[in-house]
């Protein structure tokens, strides 16, 4: 195992935060994409017809998108999501059957997934052990455990994390996780906070308050990107 030598107070230099969904759209352009955990079951009914559902955004630019999810909401025959997209009920820890059917992907996306897993290391190890995926691009996004909006709502004794999250990650923990899995990180970028459900699904006063809060948080993220809403890891298997 690689001996990681990180100082407890290592200085971290990161770029200004980006828009998560727009970034993933650009990554997917013209590619065969495997979208892990594609259904987004916790918000599927609310998001599927909006611009906030990652799977739909990937379908806008990719050549083909195969979503992989073990949710019971996915029928045995799969779920057609677009002319170039579908979701199949399969195991994200064993992609070989999907590769056999659809081919080797150009890109694997795991968007806001790893925080829901009890063992992210096993997922990365399964990808690394699948020989057909050698050299394939992997993009993972996950919320930042140390972010501005959690700090601000914490002042009101609140926490902005979904109840289904089992893991929390920071810049350093992500670096360690990927390096121990022997996955080469090409980019580790922060992404901006967005609160679309609060803005679009609330009363006019609540929506205005959410917009103001988002603008405040985005300003703070620009000043200190290390405290942005989440992280995008772009790597090679």
C-alpha atoms as a PDB file:
ATOM      1  CA  UNK A   1       0.000   0.000   0.000  1.00  0.00           C
ATOM      2  CA  UNK A   2       1.251   3.467  -0.846  1.00  0.00           C
ATOM      3  CA  UNK A   3       2.638   5.447   2.081  1.00  0.00           C
ATOM      4  CA  UNK A   4       0.758   8.754   2.053  1.00  0.00           C
ATOM      5  CA  UNK A   5       2.651  11.658   3.574  1.00  0.00           C
ATOM      6  CA  UNK A   6       0.132  14.435   4.211  1.00  0.00           C
ATOM      7  CA  UNK A   7       0.748  17.159   6.742  1.00  0.00           C
ATOM      8  CA  UNK A   8      -2.138  17.724   9.147  1.00  0.00           C
ATOM      9  CA  UNK A   9      -2.052  21.394   8.165  1.00  0.00           C
ATOM     10  CA  UNK A  10      -1.171  20.943   4.505  1.00  0.00           C
ATOM     11  CA  UNK A  11      -1.923  24.086   2.476  1.00  0.00           C
ATOM     12  CA  UNK A  12      -4.560  23.329  -0.160  1.00  0.00           C
ATOM     13  CA  UNK A  13      -4.781  25.315  -3.374  1.00  0.00           C
ATOM     14  CA  UNK A  14      -7.995  24.930  -5.377  1.00  0.00           C
ATOM     15  CA  UNK A  15      -9.571  26.847  -8.229  1.00  0.00           C
ATOM     16  CA  UNK A  16     -12.779  28.849  -8.069  1.00  0.00           C
ATOM     17  CA  UNK A  17     -15.879  26.632  -7.753  1.00  0.00           C
ATOM     18  CA  UNK A  18     -17.668  25.480 -10.889  1.00  0.00           C
ATOM     19  CA  UNK A  19     -21.236  24.481 -11.724  1.00  0.00           C
ATOM     20  CA  UNK A  20     -21.496  20.725 -11.078  1.00  0.00           C
ATOM     21  CA  UNK A  21     -24.122  19.754 -13.665  1.00  0.00           C
ATOM     22  CA  UNK A  22     -22.685  21.956 -16.404  1.00  0.00           C
ATOM     23  CA  UNK A  23     -19.226  20.466 -15.798  1.00  0.00           C
ATOM     24  CA  UNK A  24     -20.550  16.900 -16.034  1.00  0.00           C
ATOM     25  CA  UNK A  25     -22.437  17.747 -19.221  1.00  0.00           C
ATOM     26  CA  UNK A  26     -19.192  18.927 -20.808  1.00  0.00           C
ATOM     27  CA  UNK A  27     -17.383  15.768 -19.669  1.00  0.00           C
ATOM     28  CA  UNK A  28     -20.065  13.581 -21.280  1.00  0.00           C
ATOM     29  CA  UNK A  29     -20.114  15.257 -24.682  1.00  0.00           C
ATOM     30  CA  UNK A  30     -20.150  12.695 -27.515  1.00  0.00           C
ATOM     31  CA  UNK A  31     -19.329   9.757 -25.216  1.00  0.00           C
ATOM     32  CA  UNK A  32     -20.788   6.428 -24.116  1.00  0.00           C
ATOM     33  CA  UNK A  33     -21.483   7.110 -20.445  1.00  0.00           C
ATOM     34  CA  UNK A  34     -22.241   4.748 -17.577  1.00  0.00           C
ATOM     35  CA  UNK A  35     -24.215   6.705 -14.972  1.00  0.00           C
ATOM     36  CA  UNK A  36     -23.931   4.953 -11.598  1.00  0.00           C
ATOM     37  CA  UNK A  37     -26.870   5.372  -9.231  1.00  0.00           C
ATOM     38  CA  UNK A  38     -28.703   7.102 -12.059  1.00  0.00           C
ATOM     39  CA  UNK A  39     -32.266   7.028 -10.773  1.00  0.00           C
ATOM     40  CA  UNK A  40     -31.644   9.414  -7.873  1.00  0.00           C
ATOM     41  CA  UNK A  41     -34.497   7.671  -6.074  1.00  0.00           C
ATOM     42  CA  UNK A  42     -34.667  10.182  -3.234  1.00  0.00           C
ATOM     43  CA  UNK A  43     -35.814  12.898  -5.653  1.00  0.00           C
ATOM     44  CA  UNK A  44     -36.685  11.063  -8.869  1.00  0.00           C
ATOM     45  CA  UNK A  45     -40.327  12.105  -9.138  1.00  0.00           C
ATOM     46  CA  UNK A  46     -39.487  15.733  -8.403  1.00  0.00           C
ATOM     47  CA  UNK A  47     -36.472  16.059 -10.704  1.00  0.00           C
ATOM     48  CA  UNK A  48     -37.081  13.886 -13.751  1.00  0.00           C
ATOM     49  CA  UNK A  49     -38.757  16.636 -15.782  1.00  0.00           C
ATOM     50  CA  UNK A  50     -36.414  19.424 -14.706  1.00  0.00           C
ATOM     51  CA  UNK A  51     -32.918  20.540 -15.637  1.00  0.00           C
ATOM     52  CA  UNK A  52     -31.686  19.419 -12.199  1.00  0.00           C
ATOM     53  CA  UNK A  53     -31.670  15.647 -12.834  1.00  0.00           C
ATOM     54  CA  UNK A  54     -28.105  14.601 -13.631  1.00  0.00           C
ATOM     55  CA  UNK A  55     -29.084  11.648 -15.835  1.00  0.00           C
ATOM     56  CA  UNK A  56     -31.181  13.881 -18.099  1.00  0.00           C
ATOM     57  CA  UNK A  57     -28.389  16.444 -18.302  1.00  0.00           C
ATOM     58  CA  UNK A  58     -25.914  13.753 -19.376  1.00  0.00           C
ATOM     59  CA  UNK A  59     -28.330  12.633 -22.102  1.00  0.00           C
ATOM     60  CA  UNK A  60     -28.314  16.157 -23.538  1.00  0.00           C
ATOM     61  CA  UNK A  61     -24.670  15.932 -24.648  1.00  0.00           C
ATOM     62  CA  UNK A  62     -23.595  12.272 -24.554  1.00  0.00           C
ATOM     63  CA  UNK A  63     -23.792   9.906 -27.494  1.00  0.00           C
ATOM     64  CA  UNK A  64     -25.416   7.299 -25.227  1.00  0.00           C
ATOM     65  CA  UNK A  65     -26.095   7.051 -21.486  1.00  0.00           C
ATOM     66  CA  UNK A  66     -26.633   3.794 -19.604  1.00  0.00           C
ATOM     67  CA  UNK A  67     -27.847   4.393 -16.082  1.00  0.00           C
ATOM     68  CA  UNK A  68     -27.161   1.642 -13.553  1.00  0.00           C
ATOM     69  CA  UNK A  69     -29.262   1.454 -10.410  1.00  0.00           C
ATOM     70  CA  UNK A  70     -30.553  -1.365  -8.205  1.00  0.00           C
ATOM     71  CA  UNK A  71     -33.749   0.470  -7.234  1.00  0.00           C
ATOM     72  CA  UNK A  72     -37.005  -1.489  -7.323  1.00  0.00           C
ATOM     73  CA  UNK A  73     -38.473   1.438  -9.268  1.00  0.00           C
ATOM     74  CA  UNK A  74     -36.489   0.276 -12.306  1.00  0.00           C
ATOM     75  CA  UNK A  75     -38.522  -2.433 -14.131  1.00  0.00           C
ATOM     76  CA  UNK A  76     -36.956  -5.717 -15.220  1.00  0.00           C
ATOM     77  CA  UNK A  77     -36.815  -4.525 -18.838  1.00  0.00           C
ATOM     78  CA  UNK A  78     -35.166  -1.256 -17.875  1.00  0.00           C
ATOM     79  CA  UNK A  79     -36.400   2.307 -18.036  1.00  0.00           C
ATOM     80  CA  UNK A  80     -36.152   4.357 -21.239  1.00  0.00           C
ATOM     81  CA  UNK A  81     -35.254   7.935 -20.286  1.00  0.00           C
ATOM     82  CA  UNK A  82     -34.420   9.526 -23.652  1.00  0.00           C
ATOM     83  CA  UNK A  83     -33.733   8.561 -27.251  1.00  0.00           C
ATOM     84  CA  UNK A  84     -30.118   8.005 -26.204  1.00  0.00           C
ATOM     85  CA  UNK A  85     -30.629   7.047 -22.561  1.00  0.00           C
ATOM     86  CA  UNK A  86     -31.970   4.270 -20.383  1.00  0.00           C
ATOM     87  CA  UNK A  87     -31.601   2.977 -16.832  1.00  0.00           C
ATOM     88  CA  UNK A  88     -31.097  -0.722 -16.105  1.00  0.00           C
ATOM     89  CA  UNK A  89     -31.490  -2.505 -12.774  1.00  0.00           C
ATOM     90  CA  UNK A  90     -28.005  -3.864 -12.197  1.00  0.00           C
ATOM     91  CA  UNK A  91     -25.253  -3.945  -9.587  1.00  0.00           C
ATOM     92  CA  UNK A  92     -22.837  -0.979  -9.676  1.00  0.00           C
ATOM     93  CA  UNK A  93     -20.210  -3.222  -8.027  1.00  0.00           C
ATOM     94  CA  UNK A  94     -20.177  -5.547 -11.061  1.00  0.00           C
ATOM     95  CA  UNK A  95     -20.162  -3.666 -14.368  1.00  0.00           C
ATOM     96  CA  UNK A  96     -18.945  -6.541 -16.541  1.00  0.00           C
ATOM     97  CA  UNK A  97     -22.487  -7.664 -17.584  1.00  0.00           C
ATOM     98  CA  UNK A  98     -23.283  -4.086 -18.654  1.00  0.00           C
ATOM     99  CA  UNK A  99     -19.992  -3.849 -20.546  1.00  0.00           C
ATOM    100  CA  UNK A 100     -20.774  -7.129 -22.301  1.00  0.00           C
ATOM    101  CA  UNK A 101     -24.129  -5.738 -23.449  1.00  0.00           C
ATOM    102  CA  UNK A 102     -23.392  -2.073 -24.187  1.00  0.00           C
ATOM    103  CA  UNK A 103     -19.631  -1.936 -24.715  1.00  0.00           C
ATOM    104  CA  UNK A 104     -16.751  -0.317 -22.868  1.00  0.00           C
ATOM    105  CA  UNK A 105     -17.749   3.171 -21.708  1.00  0.00           C
ATOM    106  CA  UNK A 106     -15.743   6.282 -22.455  1.00  0.00           C
ATOM    107  CA  UNK A 107     -16.795   7.776 -19.143  1.00  0.00           C
ATOM    108  CA  UNK A 108     -18.205   6.546 -15.833  1.00  0.00           C
ATOM    109  CA  UNK A 109     -20.072   9.101 -13.724  1.00  0.00           C
ATOM    110  CA  UNK A 110     -20.918   8.638 -10.054  1.00  0.00           C
ATOM    111  CA  UNK A 111     -22.820  11.816  -9.216  1.00  0.00           C
ATOM    112  CA  UNK A 112     -23.668  12.374  -5.541  1.00  0.00           C
ATOM    113  CA  UNK A 113     -23.443   8.628  -4.956  1.00  0.00           C
ATOM    114  CA  UNK A 114     -20.487   7.697  -2.767  1.00  0.00           C
ATOM    115  CA  UNK A 115     -21.862   9.485   0.307  1.00  0.00           C
ATOM    116  CA  UNK A 116     -24.763   6.985   0.222  1.00  0.00           C
ATOM    117  CA  UNK A 117     -22.496   3.906   0.191  1.00  0.00           C
ATOM    118  CA  UNK A 118     -21.383   2.018   3.295  1.00  0.00           C
ATOM    119  CA  UNK A 119     -18.061   1.167   1.581  1.00  0.00           C
ATOM    120  CA  UNK A 120     -16.801   3.457  -1.178  1.00  0.00           C
ATOM    121  CA  UNK A 121     -13.413   1.744  -1.209  1.00  0.00           C
ATOM    122  CA  UNK A 122     -15.083  -1.474  -2.412  1.00  0.00           C
ATOM    123  CA  UNK A 123     -16.704   0.373  -5.316  1.00  0.00           C
ATOM    124  CA  UNK A 124     -13.398   1.866  -6.436  1.00  0.00           C
ATOM    125  CA  UNK A 125     -11.696  -1.508  -6.008  1.00  0.00           C
ATOM    126  CA  UNK A 126     -14.354  -3.201  -8.161  1.00  0.00           C
ATOM    127  CA  UNK A 127     -13.807  -0.646 -10.930  1.00  0.00           C
ATOM    128  CA  UNK A 128     -10.041  -1.112 -10.735  1.00  0.00           C
ATOM    129  CA  UNK A 129     -10.416  -4.918 -10.842  1.00  0.00           C
ATOM    130  CA  UNK A 130     -12.518  -4.825 -14.028  1.00  0.00           C
ATOM    131  CA  UNK A 131      -9.853  -5.178 -16.715  1.00  0.00           C
ATOM    132  CA  UNK A 132     -12.053  -3.798 -19.492  1.00  0.00           C
ATOM    133  CA  UNK A 133     -12.218  -0.474 -17.634  1.00  0.00           C
ATOM    134  CA  UNK A 134      -8.467   0.060 -17.582  1.00  0.00           C
ATOM    135  CA  UNK A 135      -7.826   3.669 -18.641  1.00  0.00           C
ATOM    136  CA  UNK A 136     -11.515   4.665 -18.658  1.00  0.00           C
ATOM    137  CA  UNK A 137     -12.300   8.130 -17.322  1.00  0.00           C
ATOM    138  CA  UNK A 138     -14.143   8.315 -13.976  1.00  0.00           C
ATOM    139  CA  UNK A 139     -15.858  11.413 -12.579  1.00  0.00           C
ATOM    140  CA  UNK A 140     -17.179  11.361  -9.027  1.00  0.00           C
ATOM    141  CA  UNK A 141     -19.001  14.173  -7.244  1.00  0.00           C
ATOM    142  CA  UNK A 142     -19.863  14.363  -3.556  1.00  0.00           C
ATOM    143  CA  UNK A 143     -20.858  17.000  -0.998  1.00  0.00           C
ATOM    144  CA  UNK A 144     -18.112  18.705   0.970  1.00  0.00           C
ATOM    145  CA  UNK A 145     -18.186  17.932   4.681  1.00  0.00           C
ATOM    146  CA  UNK A 146     -16.608  21.336   5.369  1.00  0.00           C
ATOM    147  CA  UNK A 147     -18.751  23.840   3.471  1.00  0.00           C
ATOM    148  CA  UNK A 148     -19.950  27.383   4.005  1.00  0.00           C
ATOM    149  CA  UNK A 149     -23.674  26.671   3.994  1.00  0.00           C
ATOM    150  CA  UNK A 150     -23.335  23.944   6.629  1.00  0.00           C
ATOM    151  CA  UNK A 151     -21.400  26.385   8.782  1.00  0.00           C
ATOM    152  CA  UNK A 152     -24.059  29.079   8.393  1.00  0.00           C
ATOM    153  CA  UNK A 153     -27.061  26.833   9.086  1.00  0.00           C
ATOM    154  CA  UNK A 154     -25.087  25.311  11.954  1.00  0.00           C
ATOM    155  CA  UNK A 155     -25.346  28.662  13.710  1.00  0.00           C
ATOM    156  CA  UNK A 156     -29.095  27.940  13.850  1.00  0.00           C
ATOM    157  CA  UNK A 157     -28.510  24.370  15.134  1.00  0.00           C
ATOM    158  CA  UNK A 158     -29.256  22.861  11.709  1.00  0.00           C
ATOM    159  CA  UNK A 159     -27.314  20.582   9.369  1.00  0.00           C
ATOM    160  CA  UNK A 160     -27.625  20.556   5.587  1.00  0.00           C
ATOM    161  CA  UNK A 161     -27.050  16.865   4.885  1.00  0.00           C
ATOM    162  CA  UNK A 162     -29.525  14.325   3.536  1.00  0.00           C
ATOM    163  CA  UNK A 163     -30.675  11.714   6.054  1.00  0.00           C
ATOM    164  CA  UNK A 164     -29.585   8.885   3.711  1.00  0.00           C
ATOM    165  CA  UNK A 165     -25.922   9.947   3.693  1.00  0.00           C
ATOM    166  CA  UNK A 166     -23.593   7.438   5.343  1.00  0.00           C
ATOM    167  CA  UNK A 167     -20.264   9.127   4.559  1.00  0.00           C
ATOM    168  CA  UNK A 168     -18.820  12.628   4.519  1.00  0.00           C
ATOM    169  CA  UNK A 169     -15.754  13.683   2.536  1.00  0.00           C
ATOM    170  CA  UNK A 170     -13.221  16.483   2.382  1.00  0.00           C
ATOM    171  CA  UNK A 171     -10.446  17.355  -0.061  1.00  0.00           C
ATOM    172  CA  UNK A 172      -7.892  15.273   1.825  1.00  0.00           C
ATOM    173  CA  UNK A 173     -10.099  12.244   2.441  1.00  0.00           C
ATOM    174  CA  UNK A 174     -10.943  12.075  -1.260  1.00  0.00           C
ATOM    175  CA  UNK A 175      -7.279  12.239  -2.222  1.00  0.00           C
ATOM    176  CA  UNK A 176      -6.464   9.451   0.202  1.00  0.00           C
ATOM    177  CA  UNK A 177      -9.417   7.323  -0.926  1.00  0.00           C
ATOM    178  CA  UNK A 178      -8.454   7.478  -4.610  1.00  0.00           C
ATOM    179  CA  UNK A 179      -4.721   7.081  -4.085  1.00  0.00           C
ATOM    180  CA  UNK A 180      -5.208   3.992  -1.937  1.00  0.00           C
ATOM    181  CA  UNK A 181      -7.403   2.578  -4.703  1.00  0.00           C
ATOM    182  CA  UNK A 182      -4.525   3.264  -7.137  1.00  0.00           C
ATOM    183  CA  UNK A 183      -6.663   5.624  -9.219  1.00  0.00           C
ATOM    184  CA  UNK A 184      -4.885   8.555 -10.825  1.00  0.00           C
ATOM    185  CA  UNK A 185      -6.579  11.873 -10.006  1.00  0.00           C
ATOM    186  CA  UNK A 186      -6.428  14.360 -12.885  1.00  0.00           C
ATOM    187  CA  UNK A 187      -8.554  17.081 -11.274  1.00  0.00           C
ATOM    188  CA  UNK A 188     -10.080  17.725  -7.861  1.00  0.00           C
ATOM    189  CA  UNK A 189     -12.382  20.720  -8.173  1.00  0.00           C
ATOM    190  CA  UNK A 190     -14.893  22.423  -5.886  1.00  0.00           C
ATOM    191  CA  UNK A 191     -18.460  23.026  -7.050  1.00  0.00           C
ATOM    192  CA  UNK A 192     -20.908  25.769  -6.076  1.00  0.00           C
ATOM    193  CA  UNK A 193     -23.903  25.444  -3.778  1.00  0.00           C
ATOM    194  CA  UNK A 194     -27.275  25.327  -5.520  1.00  0.00           C
ATOM    195  CA  UNK A 195     -30.689  25.146  -3.822  1.00  0.00           C
ATOM    196  CA  UNK A 196     -33.157  24.652  -6.714  1.00  0.00           C
ATOM    197  CA  UNK A 197     -35.837  22.852  -4.695  1.00  0.00           C
ATOM    198  CA  UNK A 198     -35.903  25.668  -2.130  1.00  0.00           C
ATOM    199  CA  UNK A 199     -35.979  28.350  -4.832  1.00  0.00           C
ATOM    200  CA  UNK A 200     -38.467  26.781  -7.243  1.00  0.00           C
ATOM    201  CA  UNK A 201     -40.763  24.891  -4.890  1.00  0.00           C
ATOM    202  CA  UNK A 202     -41.404  27.533  -2.256  1.00  0.00           C
ATOM    203  CA  UNK A 203     -43.582  30.580  -1.757  1.00  0.00           C
ATOM    204  CA  UNK A 204     -42.357  33.818  -3.287  1.00  0.00           C
ATOM    205  CA  UNK A 205     -40.971  35.037   0.043  1.00  0.00           C
ATOM    206  CA  UNK A 206     -39.225  31.742   0.821  1.00  0.00           C
ATOM    207  CA  UNK A 207     -37.895  31.580  -2.741  1.00  0.00           C
ATOM    208  CA  UNK A 208     -36.481  35.094  -2.474  1.00  0.00           C
ATOM    209  CA  UNK A 209     -34.839  34.213   0.856  1.00  0.00           C
ATOM    210  CA  UNK A 210     -33.311  31.079  -0.691  1.00  0.00           C
ATOM    211  CA  UNK A 211     -31.945  33.115  -3.610  1.00  0.00           C
ATOM    212  CA  UNK A 212     -30.346  35.596  -1.225  1.00  0.00           C
ATOM    213  CA  UNK A 213     -28.850  32.778   0.852  1.00  0.00           C
ATOM    214  CA  UNK A 214     -27.489  31.074  -2.290  1.00  0.00           C
ATOM    215  CA  UNK A 215     -25.938  34.326  -3.503  1.00  0.00           C
ATOM    216  CA  UNK A 216     -24.317  34.860  -0.082  1.00  0.00           C
ATOM    217  CA  UNK A 217     -22.915  31.323  -0.011  1.00  0.00           C
ATOM    218  CA  UNK A 218     -21.640  31.561  -3.611  1.00  0.00           C
ATOM    219  CA  UNK A 219     -19.841  34.795  -2.746  1.00  0.00           C
ATOM    220  CA  UNK A 220     -18.153  33.137   0.233  1.00  0.00           C
ATOM    221  CA  UNK A 221     -17.239  30.140  -1.960  1.00  0.00           C
ATOM    222  CA  UNK A 222     -15.487  32.464  -4.396  1.00  0.00           C
ATOM    223  CA  UNK A 223     -13.455  33.943  -1.537  1.00  0.00           C
ATOM    224  CA  UNK A 224     -12.651  30.535  -0.017  1.00  0.00           C
ATOM    225  CA  UNK A 225     -13.191  27.670  -2.510  1.00  0.00           C
ATOM    226  CA  UNK A 226     -12.013  25.054  -0.004  1.00  0.00           C
ATOM    227  CA  UNK A 227     -15.358  25.604   1.760  1.00  0.00           C
ATOM    228  CA  UNK A 228     -17.476  25.130  -1.372  1.00  0.00           C
ATOM    229  CA  UNK A 229     -20.570  22.905  -1.452  1.00  0.00           C
ATOM    230  CA  UNK A 230     -18.898  19.811  -2.876  1.00  0.00           C
ATOM    231  CA  UNK A 231     -16.088  18.179  -4.812  1.00  0.00           C
ATOM    232  CA  UNK A 232     -15.627  16.860  -8.349  1.00  0.00           C
ATOM    233  CA  UNK A 233     -12.968  14.171  -8.730  1.00  0.00           C
ATOM    234  CA  UNK A 234     -11.851  13.460 -12.287  1.00  0.00           C
ATOM    235  CA  UNK A 235      -9.681  10.347 -12.473  1.00  0.00           C
ATOM    236  CA  UNK A 236      -8.530   7.407 -14.593  1.00  0.00           C
ATOM    237  CA  UNK A 237      -9.233   3.812 -13.723  1.00  0.00           C
END
